[in-house]
């Protein structure tokens, strides 16, 4: 560039500025104007230089670009597409409506080096930007991410903007859709690893993903979903062709879930490694089939306040509200055994069973136990989405083992006490609206009065942990029951 400026200055001095001497200084050009003229000439010359690729044969440049994309970026385009040359924001070839094996791409920008447009054979691609693409991926398409250095990404960066990834099962049915705001991938020659970085959204939940695949068979994955207060770190090691192992950490709310796992024949076997939920220790183990997704999980939770399960910010509550389980391609069988802390004045133990099959969720056979008083059991439950509402319906059966201890717990006056052994009812609970309704209440198989139902509306705010209010309302209900 300096040489170009020097050459133009010499040209101006030899031609235009000679007029100054020939006209006895009647024609004067200031130093400032010299630079303005030089700058304009350089600018127009540079623009003409940038337009040189327009002179290339279109068929030749199309074949050249296709070949380089295949060799340098592993992007194998079909030959049917529209290509044009643009100089803004920087020189590039714009390819519209192209296809590759895994995607349909509306816009593909191929940015080229400006070093030597006079020699078309020296054309070099610096960067590729994909926009508004739809990727269709089966589980087998993801395998190259887990293989070693023979499957390197391109050394040059590939960027992806405003696109979608359709994840499909082996029947070619869509399991989920990932919306990509922006992403990039390339092979880092300095650190010798594949790098994939993505900002996107899944199930309407924004997240970021960072993936590194090193040449020594170690893989690192970091996922963050701020709306769920979720962070996932995964370190994966390949032991041999058939066996892989790893460590996984999931941080959500104030909990840290650490897992050791191994993978063989697409089956993941895992167990806890020093995990905690809030301040409570948790042990778990299970088995996960990846395709189709089938989870069998057993959890033992110690020193946990069971009544926290009913608070709006509990992990289970937040996870269900996210809607992740409402997927017909997911199967889950989970048993959670909970030993409560001494601080929990209501329950000593709980057995929570969660079943997910074909997009349907239930908690049948779940039990909440008070060792002194009795137990509550769930049946005929169903959790579903309806008009933007998350609704749980269930039948509850309360068996009372020691009625005197129940009345002692409720501080019920002796005059109001009745001999009650069993209570059955149906609940309709709106988890998002925090509203609950009680139906079909029977005490020892006897129906209750309308006034009884009116008092139950006091529980509609679902603040079950307000023990003083709950005792007052329950004593009012007991007083109404005629026995």
Protein backbone atom coordinates (compact mmCIF):
# COMPACT_ATOMS: atom_id res chain seq x y z
CA UNK A 1 0.00 0.00 0.00
CA UNK A 2 2.85 2.41 0.81
CA UNK A 3 4.38 1.72 -2.61
CA UNK A 4 1.05 2.48 -4.31
CA UNK A 5 0.78 5.82 -2.52
CA UNK A 6 4.39 6.66 -3.47
CA UNK A 7 3.80 5.80 -7.13
CA UNK A 8 0.68 7.97 -7.30
CA UNK A 9 2.47 10.86 -5.66
CA UNK A 10 5.21 10.62 -8.28
CA UNK A 11 2.62 10.50 -11.06
CA UNK A 12 0.84 13.56 -9.72
CA UNK A 13 4.13 15.48 -9.34
CA UNK A 14 5.19 14.66 -12.92
CA UNK A 15 1.89 15.58 -14.54
CA UNK A 16 -0.69 17.66 -12.80
CA UNK A 17 1.61 19.57 -10.49
CA UNK A 18 3.97 20.55 -13.37
CA UNK A 19 1.26 22.95 -14.47
CA UNK A 20 2.18 25.08 -11.55
CA UNK A 21 5.56 25.99 -13.06
CA UNK A 22 4.28 26.29 -16.66
CA UNK A 23 1.63 28.85 -15.68
CA UNK A 24 3.91 30.94 -13.48
CA UNK A 25 2.16 29.79 -10.35
CA UNK A 26 -1.28 30.75 -11.65
CA UNK A 27 -2.42 27.18 -11.10
CA UNK A 28 -1.79 26.19 -7.46
CA UNK A 29 -2.59 22.83 -5.77
CA UNK A 30 -2.20 22.68 -2.00
CA UNK A 31 -0.61 19.77 -0.16
CA UNK A 32 -4.00 18.89 1.35
CA UNK A 33 -5.59 18.67 -2.11
CA UNK A 34 -2.73 16.45 -3.24
CA UNK A 35 -3.65 13.94 -0.55
CA UNK A 36 -7.36 14.19 -1.36
CA UNK A 37 -6.73 13.50 -5.02
CA UNK A 38 -4.33 10.68 -4.21
CA UNK A 39 -6.85 9.12 -1.81
CA UNK A 40 -9.68 9.27 -4.35
CA UNK A 41 -7.55 7.68 -7.04
CA UNK A 42 -6.39 4.94 -4.65
CA UNK A 43 -9.99 4.30 -3.56
CA UNK A 44 -11.29 3.93 -7.10
CA UNK A 45 -8.32 1.79 -8.06
CA UNK A 46 -8.98 -0.45 -5.03
CA UNK A 47 -12.68 -0.78 -5.96
CA UNK A 48 -11.75 -1.70 -9.53
CA UNK A 49 -9.32 -4.26 -8.12
CA UNK A 50 -12.06 -5.79 -5.92
CA UNK A 51 -14.30 -6.10 -8.97
CA UNK A 52 -11.80 -8.22 -10.91
CA UNK A 53 -13.43 -11.55 -9.80
CA UNK A 54 -16.52 -10.46 -11.77
CA UNK A 55 -14.45 -11.15 -14.88
CA UNK A 56 -13.86 -14.79 -13.93
CA UNK A 57 -15.83 -17.40 -15.84
CA UNK A 58 -18.87 -18.27 -13.70
CA UNK A 59 -18.73 -22.02 -14.37
CA UNK A 60 -15.02 -22.07 -13.61
CA UNK A 61 -15.43 -20.20 -10.30
CA UNK A 62 -18.39 -22.38 -9.29
CA UNK A 63 -16.32 -25.55 -9.79
CA UNK A 64 -13.36 -23.95 -8.01
CA UNK A 65 -15.40 -22.95 -4.97
CA UNK A 66 -17.13 -26.34 -4.77
CA UNK A 67 -13.76 -28.12 -4.88
CA UNK A 68 -12.17 -25.92 -2.21
CA UNK A 69 -15.19 -26.17 0.10
CA UNK A 70 -15.00 -29.95 -0.13
CA UNK A 71 -11.24 -30.23 0.35
CA UNK A 72 -10.70 -27.54 2.98
CA UNK A 73 -14.01 -27.38 4.90
CA UNK A 74 -15.58 -30.84 4.36
CA UNK A 75 -18.60 -29.06 2.88
CA UNK A 76 -19.73 -31.06 -0.15
CA UNK A 77 -22.22 -28.94 -2.07
CA UNK A 78 -24.55 -30.22 -4.75
CA UNK A 79 -23.91 -28.63 -8.16
CA UNK A 80 -27.33 -27.01 -8.34
CA UNK A 81 -27.21 -23.56 -6.73
CA UNK A 82 -27.01 -19.85 -7.53
CA UNK A 83 -23.64 -18.11 -7.01
CA UNK A 84 -22.78 -14.40 -7.18
CA UNK A 85 -19.86 -12.19 -6.18
CA UNK A 86 -20.14 -9.38 -3.60
CA UNK A 87 -17.54 -6.94 -2.28
CA UNK A 88 -19.39 -5.85 0.89
CA UNK A 89 -18.87 -6.20 3.79
CA UNK A 90 -15.75 -7.83 2.35
CA UNK A 91 -15.12 -9.80 -0.85
CA UNK A 92 -17.07 -13.04 -0.90
CA UNK A 93 -19.11 -15.40 -3.03
CA UNK A 94 -22.78 -15.57 -2.10
CA UNK A 95 -24.32 -19.00 -2.68
CA UNK A 96 -28.09 -19.30 -2.38
CA UNK A 97 -30.32 -22.37 -1.93
CA UNK A 98 -27.58 -24.98 -1.78
CA UNK A 99 -27.66 -28.47 -0.31
CA UNK A 100 -25.25 -30.76 1.49
CA UNK A 101 -25.84 -34.28 2.77
CA UNK A 102 -27.15 -33.12 6.18
CA UNK A 103 -28.61 -29.70 5.45
CA UNK A 104 -30.45 -27.32 3.20
CA UNK A 105 -28.67 -23.94 3.24
CA UNK A 106 -30.48 -20.78 2.22
CA UNK A 107 -27.37 -18.55 2.29
CA UNK A 108 -23.71 -19.58 2.20
CA UNK A 109 -21.09 -16.81 2.30
CA UNK A 110 -17.60 -17.81 1.11
CA UNK A 111 -15.12 -15.09 2.10
CA UNK A 112 -11.94 -14.99 -0.01
CA UNK A 113 -8.45 -13.56 0.36
CA UNK A 114 -7.72 -10.24 -1.40
CA UNK A 115 -4.03 -10.94 -1.95
CA UNK A 116 -3.96 -11.53 -5.72
CA UNK A 117 -7.11 -11.16 -7.79
CA UNK A 118 -5.01 -10.87 -10.95
CA UNK A 119 -4.25 -14.59 -10.71
CA UNK A 120 -7.56 -16.44 -10.44
CA UNK A 121 -5.82 -19.75 -9.80
CA UNK A 122 -4.45 -18.41 -6.51
CA UNK A 123 -7.92 -17.80 -5.04
CA UNK A 124 -8.00 -18.70 -1.34
CA UNK A 125 -10.99 -19.11 1.00
CA UNK A 126 -10.52 -17.55 4.45
CA UNK A 127 -13.86 -18.23 6.11
CA UNK A 128 -17.31 -19.72 5.52
CA UNK A 129 -20.54 -18.34 7.04
CA UNK A 130 -23.73 -20.40 6.84
CA UNK A 131 -27.05 -18.62 7.41
CA UNK A 132 -30.66 -19.84 7.64
CA UNK A 133 -29.83 -23.52 7.27
CA UNK A 134 -31.86 -26.53 8.36
CA UNK A 135 -29.70 -29.45 9.53
CA UNK A 136 -31.23 -32.92 9.90
CA UNK A 137 -29.21 -35.19 12.19
CA UNK A 138 -29.68 -38.80 13.15
CA UNK A 139 -27.81 -40.20 16.15
CA UNK A 140 -25.28 -41.82 13.79
CA UNK A 141 -24.45 -38.41 12.33
CA UNK A 142 -23.10 -37.33 15.72
CA UNK A 143 -20.55 -40.15 15.92
CA UNK A 144 -17.73 -38.14 14.23
CA UNK A 145 -17.84 -35.76 17.20
CA UNK A 146 -16.69 -38.61 19.45
CA UNK A 147 -13.96 -39.98 17.23
CA UNK A 148 -10.29 -39.13 17.25
CA UNK A 149 -8.03 -36.83 15.28
CA UNK A 150 -8.61 -38.54 11.92
CA UNK A 151 -11.96 -36.69 11.96
CA UNK A 152 -10.57 -33.19 12.35
CA UNK A 153 -12.70 -30.16 11.68
CA UNK A 154 -11.49 -27.67 9.11
CA UNK A 155 -8.46 -25.56 10.10
CA UNK A 156 -10.46 -22.57 8.88
CA UNK A 157 -13.47 -21.34 10.79
CA UNK A 158 -17.02 -22.26 9.75
CA UNK A 159 -19.69 -19.97 11.21
CA UNK A 160 -23.42 -20.77 11.44
CA UNK A 161 -26.10 -18.13 12.09
CA UNK A 162 -29.88 -18.19 12.49
CA UNK A 163 -30.30 -21.88 11.68
CA UNK A 164 -32.03 -25.01 13.01
CA UNK A 165 -30.90 -28.52 13.91
CA UNK A 166 -33.60 -31.21 13.66
CA UNK A 167 -32.55 -34.16 15.81
CA UNK A 168 -34.19 -37.36 14.57
CA UNK A 169 -34.48 -40.96 15.72
CA UNK A 170 -33.80 -44.01 13.55
CA UNK A 171 -37.38 -43.81 12.21
CA UNK A 172 -36.57 -40.33 10.88
CA UNK A 173 -38.99 -38.72 13.32
CA UNK A 174 -38.02 -35.41 14.92
CA UNK A 175 -37.07 -35.78 18.59
CA UNK A 176 -36.22 -32.15 19.24
CA UNK A 177 -35.27 -28.93 17.47
CA UNK A 178 -32.25 -26.80 18.37
CA UNK A 179 -32.45 -23.19 17.23
CA UNK A 180 -28.97 -21.79 16.52
CA UNK A 181 -28.43 -18.07 17.09
CA UNK A 182 -24.74 -18.35 16.24
CA UNK A 183 -22.12 -21.08 16.23
CA UNK A 184 -18.65 -21.83 14.88
CA UNK A 185 -16.36 -24.80 14.51
CA UNK A 186 -12.74 -25.41 13.47
CA UNK A 187 -9.63 -27.44 14.31
CA UNK A 188 -7.23 -25.61 16.64
CA UNK A 189 -3.77 -26.54 15.33
CA UNK A 190 -1.99 -24.95 18.29
CA UNK A 191 -3.84 -26.91 20.98
CA UNK A 192 -4.67 -29.90 18.74
CA UNK A 193 -8.40 -30.18 19.33
CA UNK A 194 -11.69 -29.79 17.48
CA UNK A 195 -13.69 -26.85 18.81
CA UNK A 196 -17.44 -26.35 18.47
CA UNK A 197 -19.14 -23.38 20.13
CA UNK A 198 -22.90 -22.75 19.98
CA UNK A 199 -25.45 -20.27 21.29
CA UNK A 200 -28.99 -21.50 20.83
CA UNK A 201 -32.31 -22.60 22.22
CA UNK A 202 -33.96 -25.97 22.84
CA UNK A 203 -37.52 -26.45 24.12
CA UNK A 204 -37.67 -22.61 24.28
CA UNK A 205 -34.79 -22.66 26.77
CA UNK A 206 -31.70 -20.59 25.80
CA UNK A 207 -28.36 -22.36 26.27
CA UNK A 208 -24.69 -22.25 25.30
CA UNK A 209 -22.54 -25.25 24.37
CA UNK A 210 -18.77 -25.53 24.13
CA UNK A 211 -17.29 -28.79 22.83
CA UNK A 212 -13.60 -29.77 22.60
CA UNK A 213 -12.33 -33.05 21.18
CA UNK A 214 -8.59 -33.55 21.71
CA UNK A 215 -6.32 -35.96 19.82
CA UNK A 216 -5.72 -38.08 22.94
CA UNK A 217 -9.38 -39.19 22.92
CA UNK A 218 -10.49 -36.78 25.65
CA UNK A 219 -13.67 -34.80 25.09
CA UNK A 220 -14.86 -31.82 27.12
CA UNK A 221 -18.41 -30.48 26.96
CA UNK A 222 -19.71 -27.39 28.78
CA UNK A 223 -23.41 -26.49 28.68
CA UNK A 224 -25.08 -23.53 30.38
CA UNK A 225 -28.82 -22.75 30.58
CA UNK A 226 -29.15 -19.57 32.71
CA UNK A 227 -32.97 -19.65 32.78
CA UNK A 228 -32.82 -23.05 34.53
CA UNK A 229 -29.76 -22.00 36.57
CA UNK A 230 -28.18 -25.05 34.98
CA UNK A 231 -24.53 -25.78 34.20
CA UNK A 232 -23.20 -29.08 32.85
CA UNK A 233 -19.52 -30.08 32.58
CA UNK A 234 -18.65 -33.41 31.01
CA UNK A 235 -15.20 -35.02 30.58
CA UNK A 236 -15.14 -38.10 28.39
CA UNK A 237 -12.31 -40.64 27.93
CA UNK A 238 -11.99 -43.42 25.39
CA UNK A 239 -10.44 -46.58 26.86
CA UNK A 240 -10.79 -48.80 23.79
CA UNK A 241 -13.06 -49.21 20.76
CA UNK A 242 -15.90 -50.73 22.80
CA UNK A 243 -15.64 -48.99 26.17
CA UNK A 244 -15.73 -45.33 27.11
CA UNK A 245 -15.91 -43.67 30.50
CA UNK A 246 -16.30 -40.20 31.90
CA UNK A 247 -17.15 -37.76 34.66
CA UNK A 248 -20.14 -35.44 34.62
CA UNK A 249 -21.06 -32.52 36.85
CA UNK A 250 -24.51 -30.91 36.80
CA UNK A 251 -24.96 -27.74 38.82
CA UNK A 252 -28.57 -26.57 39.16
CA UNK A 253 -29.91 -24.06 41.65
CA UNK A 254 -27.90 -24.78 44.84
CA UNK A 255 -27.21 -28.42 44.02
CA UNK A 256 -24.23 -30.27 42.55
CA UNK A 257 -24.76 -33.66 40.93
CA UNK A 258 -21.55 -35.55 40.14
CA UNK A 259 -21.64 -38.75 38.11
CA UNK A 260 -19.21 -41.45 37.02
CA UNK A 261 -20.30 -43.34 33.92
CA UNK A 262 -19.28 -45.86 31.29
CA UNK A 263 -20.66 -46.47 27.80
CA UNK A 264 -20.81 -49.77 25.95
CA UNK A 265 -23.06 -50.77 23.05
CA UNK A 266 -24.95 -47.45 23.34
CA UNK A 267 -25.88 -48.23 26.95
CA UNK A 268 -24.77 -45.81 29.68
CA UNK A 269 -24.29 -47.20 33.20
CA UNK A 270 -23.81 -44.53 35.85
CA UNK A 271 -23.58 -43.84 39.58
CA UNK A 272 -23.25 -40.91 41.94
CA UNK A 273 -19.89 -39.56 43.11
CA UNK A 274 -20.29 -37.25 46.11
CA UNK A 275 -23.44 -35.49 44.93
CA UNK A 276 -25.52 -33.11 47.00
CA UNK A 277 -28.91 -31.47 46.60
CA UNK A 278 -28.85 -28.28 48.63
CA UNK A 279 -27.21 -29.55 51.84
CA UNK A 280 -28.43 -33.12 51.48
CA UNK A 281 -26.40 -36.12 50.39
CA UNK A 282 -27.70 -38.06 47.42
CA UNK A 283 -26.78 -41.49 46.04
CA UNK A 284 -28.08 -42.83 42.76
CA UNK A 285 -27.42 -45.35 40.04
CA UNK A 286 -29.06 -46.31 36.81
CA UNK A 287 -28.94 -47.24 33.19
CA UNK A 288 -29.65 -45.17 30.10
CA UNK A 289 -30.28 -46.39 26.55
CA UNK A 290 -29.46 -43.57 24.17
CA UNK A 291 -31.49 -44.57 21.12
CA UNK A 292 -34.34 -44.60 21.82
CA UNK A 293 -34.04 -42.62 25.07
CA UNK A 294 -34.88 -44.99 27.94
CA UNK A 295 -33.86 -44.14 31.51
CA UNK A 296 -34.07 -46.42 34.55
CA UNK A 297 -33.00 -44.57 37.70
CA UNK A 298 -32.94 -45.20 41.45
CA UNK A 299 -32.16 -42.38 43.90
CA UNK A 300 -31.55 -42.39 47.65
CA UNK A 301 -31.73 -38.94 49.21
CA UNK A 302 -30.67 -38.37 52.83
CA UNK A 303 -31.34 -35.58 55.32
CA UNK A 304 -33.68 -33.83 52.92
CA UNK A 305 -36.71 -31.81 53.98
CA UNK A 306 -39.47 -33.58 52.07
CA UNK A 307 -41.85 -30.64 52.28
CA UNK A 308 -39.34 -28.75 50.06
CA UNK A 309 -40.61 -30.86 47.17
CA UNK A 310 -43.75 -28.75 47.21
CA UNK A 311 -42.01 -25.38 47.05
CA UNK A 312 -42.09 -23.49 43.69
CA UNK A 313 -38.27 -23.49 43.31
CA UNK A 314 -37.63 -27.19 43.95
CA UNK A 315 -35.53 -29.05 41.36
CA UNK A 316 -38.31 -31.48 40.43
CA UNK A 317 -40.80 -28.63 40.19
CA UNK A 318 -38.54 -26.56 37.91
CA UNK A 319 -37.64 -29.58 35.76
CA UNK A 320 -41.29 -30.49 35.19
CA UNK A 321 -42.22 -26.88 34.39
CA UNK A 322 -39.53 -26.80 31.68
CA UNK A 323 -41.61 -29.27 29.62
CA UNK A 324 -38.61 -31.47 28.74
CA UNK A 325 -40.41 -34.68 29.69
CA UNK A 326 -43.37 -34.17 27.36
CA UNK A 327 -41.77 -36.01 24.49
CA UNK A 328 -43.18 -39.17 22.94
CA UNK A 329 -39.67 -40.50 22.29
CA UNK A 330 -38.66 -40.47 25.97
CA UNK A 331 -39.17 -43.31 28.45
CA UNK A 332 -38.30 -42.80 32.14
CA UNK A 333 -38.73 -45.04 35.20
CA UNK A 334 -37.51 -43.35 38.39
CA UNK A 335 -37.76 -44.30 42.08
CA UNK A 336 -36.68 -41.74 44.67
CA UNK A 337 -36.32 -42.87 48.31
CA UNK A 338 -36.08 -39.94 50.69
CA UNK A 339 -35.14 -39.86 54.37
CA UNK A 340 -36.22 -36.57 55.85
CA UNK A 341 -34.37 -34.26 58.21
CA UNK A 342 -35.45 -33.74 61.80
CA UNK A 343 -36.53 -30.23 60.79
CA UNK A 344 -39.37 -31.62 58.68
CA UNK A 345 -42.38 -31.69 60.99
CA UNK A 346 -44.69 -33.38 58.45
CA UNK A 347 -42.96 -36.32 56.73
CA UNK A 348 -40.23 -38.74 57.81
CA UNK A 349 -39.92 -40.70 54.57
CA UNK A 350 -41.06 -40.54 50.96
CA UNK A 351 -41.04 -42.89 48.00
CA UNK A 352 -41.52 -40.87 44.85
CA UNK A 353 -42.11 -42.79 41.62
CA UNK A 354 -41.93 -40.93 38.32
CA UNK A 355 -42.93 -42.69 35.09
CA UNK A 356 -42.73 -41.14 31.63
CA UNK A 357 -43.96 -43.04 28.58
CA UNK A 358 -45.11 -41.74 25.17
CA UNK A 359 -45.29 -38.18 26.46
CA UNK A 360 -47.47 -39.13 29.45
CA UNK A 361 -46.27 -38.57 33.03
CA UNK A 362 -47.59 -40.07 36.26
CA UNK A 363 -46.59 -40.46 39.92
CA UNK A 364 -48.59 -43.60 40.71
CA UNK A 365 -47.54 -45.57 43.84
CA UNK A 366 -45.70 -42.57 45.27
CA UNK A 367 -45.94 -42.48 49.08
CA UNK A 368 -45.32 -39.86 51.79
CA UNK A 369 -44.92 -41.33 55.27
CA UNK A 370 -45.17 -39.99 58.80
CA UNK A 371 -43.95 -42.79 61.06
CA UNK A 372 -46.20 -41.71 63.95
CA UNK A 373 -49.37 -40.78 62.10
CA UNK A 374 -49.73 -42.69 58.81
CA UNK A 375 -49.12 -42.32 55.08
CA UNK A 376 -50.37 -40.67 51.89
CA UNK A 377 -50.41 -42.66 48.60
CA UNK A 378 -50.87 -41.40 45.02
CA UNK A 379 -52.81 -43.26 42.30
CA UNK A 380 -54.42 -42.59 38.90
CA UNK A 381 -52.19 -39.54 38.42
CA UNK A 382 -51.63 -37.65 35.19
CA UNK A 383 -49.46 -34.63 34.44
CA UNK A 384 -50.22 -32.80 31.20
CA UNK A 385 -50.15 -29.47 29.37
CA UNK A 386 -53.46 -27.82 28.56
CA UNK A 387 -53.91 -24.29 27.15
CA UNK A 388 -50.51 -23.16 28.46
CA UNK A 389 -51.33 -24.64 31.88
CA UNK A 390 -49.39 -27.47 33.53
CA UNK A 391 -52.02 -29.63 35.24
CA UNK A 392 -51.61 -32.53 37.68
CA UNK A 393 -54.62 -34.69 38.47
CA UNK A 394 -54.36 -37.49 41.02
CA UNK A 395 -56.23 -39.60 43.53
CA UNK A 396 -54.87 -39.38 47.08
CA UNK A 397 -55.48 -41.93 49.83
CA UNK A 398 -54.52 -40.99 53.40
CA UNK A 399 -54.33 -43.91 55.84
CA UNK A 400 -54.17 -42.87 59.49
CA UNK A 401 -52.25 -45.26 61.73
CA UNK A 402 -52.65 -43.38 65.05
CA UNK A 403 -55.48 -40.85 65.18
CA UNK A 404 -54.47 -39.57 68.61
CA UNK A 405 -51.01 -38.60 67.38
CA UNK A 406 -52.61 -36.84 64.39
CA UNK A 407 -54.80 -34.76 66.69
CA UNK A 408 -51.84 -34.05 68.92
CA UNK A 409 -49.89 -32.83 65.90
CA UNK A 410 -52.79 -30.63 64.78
CA UNK A 411 -53.49 -29.32 68.31
CA UNK A 412 -57.13 -30.35 67.85
CA UNK A 413 -59.45 -29.72 70.79
CA UNK A 414 -60.79 -32.88 72.47
CA UNK A 415 -64.40 -31.90 71.75
CA UNK A 416 -63.77 -31.86 67.97
CA UNK A 417 -61.93 -35.16 67.69
CA UNK A 418 -63.50 -37.96 65.62
CA UNK A 419 -62.35 -41.47 64.91
CA UNK A 420 -61.05 -41.15 61.31
CA UNK A 421 -59.12 -43.95 59.60
CA UNK A 422 -59.02 -43.09 55.91
CA UNK A 423 -59.46 -40.06 53.67
CA UNK A 424 -59.79 -40.26 49.89
CA UNK A 425 -59.87 -37.32 47.50
CA UNK A 426 -59.02 -36.17 44.01
CA UNK A 427 -56.84 -33.11 43.34
CA UNK A 428 -56.51 -30.84 40.29
CA UNK A 429 -53.32 -28.83 40.62
CA UNK A 430 -52.22 -26.05 38.24
CA UNK A 431 -48.44 -25.96 38.75
CA UNK A 432 -47.85 -22.76 36.78
CA UNK A 433 -50.80 -20.89 38.30
CA UNK A 434 -50.15 -22.29 41.81
CA UNK A 435 -53.81 -23.20 42.26
CA UNK A 436 -55.28 -26.42 43.61
CA UNK A 437 -58.81 -27.76 43.81
CA UNK A 438 -60.13 -30.72 45.84
CA UNK A 439 -62.83 -33.02 44.47
CA UNK A 440 -64.69 -36.18 45.53
CA UNK A 441 -63.63 -36.07 49.17
CA UNK A 442 -64.60 -39.08 51.26
CA UNK A 443 -63.82 -39.74 54.91
CA UNK A 444 -64.12 -43.42 55.83
CA UNK A 445 -66.14 -43.77 52.58
CA UNK A 446 -68.58 -41.03 53.68
CA UNK A 447 -69.15 -37.98 51.48
CA UNK A 448 -68.64 -34.52 52.98
CA UNK A 449 -70.87 -31.44 52.94
CA UNK A 450 -70.71 -28.45 50.58
CA UNK A 451 -69.52 -26.31 53.51
CA UNK A 452 -66.60 -28.73 53.85
CA UNK A 453 -65.60 -27.97 50.23
CA UNK A 454 -65.89 -24.24 50.86
CA UNK A 455 -63.27 -24.45 53.61
CA UNK A 456 -60.91 -26.49 51.41
CA UNK A 457 -60.65 -23.44 49.13
CA UNK A 458 -58.39 -22.00 51.80
CA UNK A 459 -55.68 -24.34 50.50
CA UNK A 460 -55.91 -22.96 46.97
CA UNK A 461 -52.71 -20.90 47.27
CA UNK A 462 -50.74 -24.21 47.63
CA UNK A 463 -48.67 -22.87 50.54
CA UNK A 464 -48.51 -26.30 52.18
CA UNK A 465 -45.49 -25.34 54.26
CA UNK A 466 -47.46 -22.72 56.21
CA UNK A 467 -48.03 -25.14 59.08
CA UNK A 468 -50.05 -22.75 61.27
CA UNK A 469 -52.54 -22.02 58.49
CA UNK A 470 -52.78 -25.70 57.51
CA UNK A 471 -53.50 -26.77 61.11
CA UNK A 472 -56.24 -24.17 61.45
CA UNK A 473 -57.96 -25.19 58.20
CA UNK A 474 -57.70 -28.91 58.97
CA UNK A 475 -59.21 -28.41 62.42
CA UNK A 476 -62.10 -26.51 60.84
CA UNK A 477 -62.66 -29.43 58.46
CA UNK A 478 -62.56 -31.94 61.32
CA UNK A 479 -65.08 -29.86 63.23
CA UNK A 480 -67.49 -29.96 60.27
CA UNK A 481 -67.24 -33.71 59.76
CA UNK A 482 -70.14 -35.44 61.45
CA UNK A 483 -68.59 -38.89 61.49
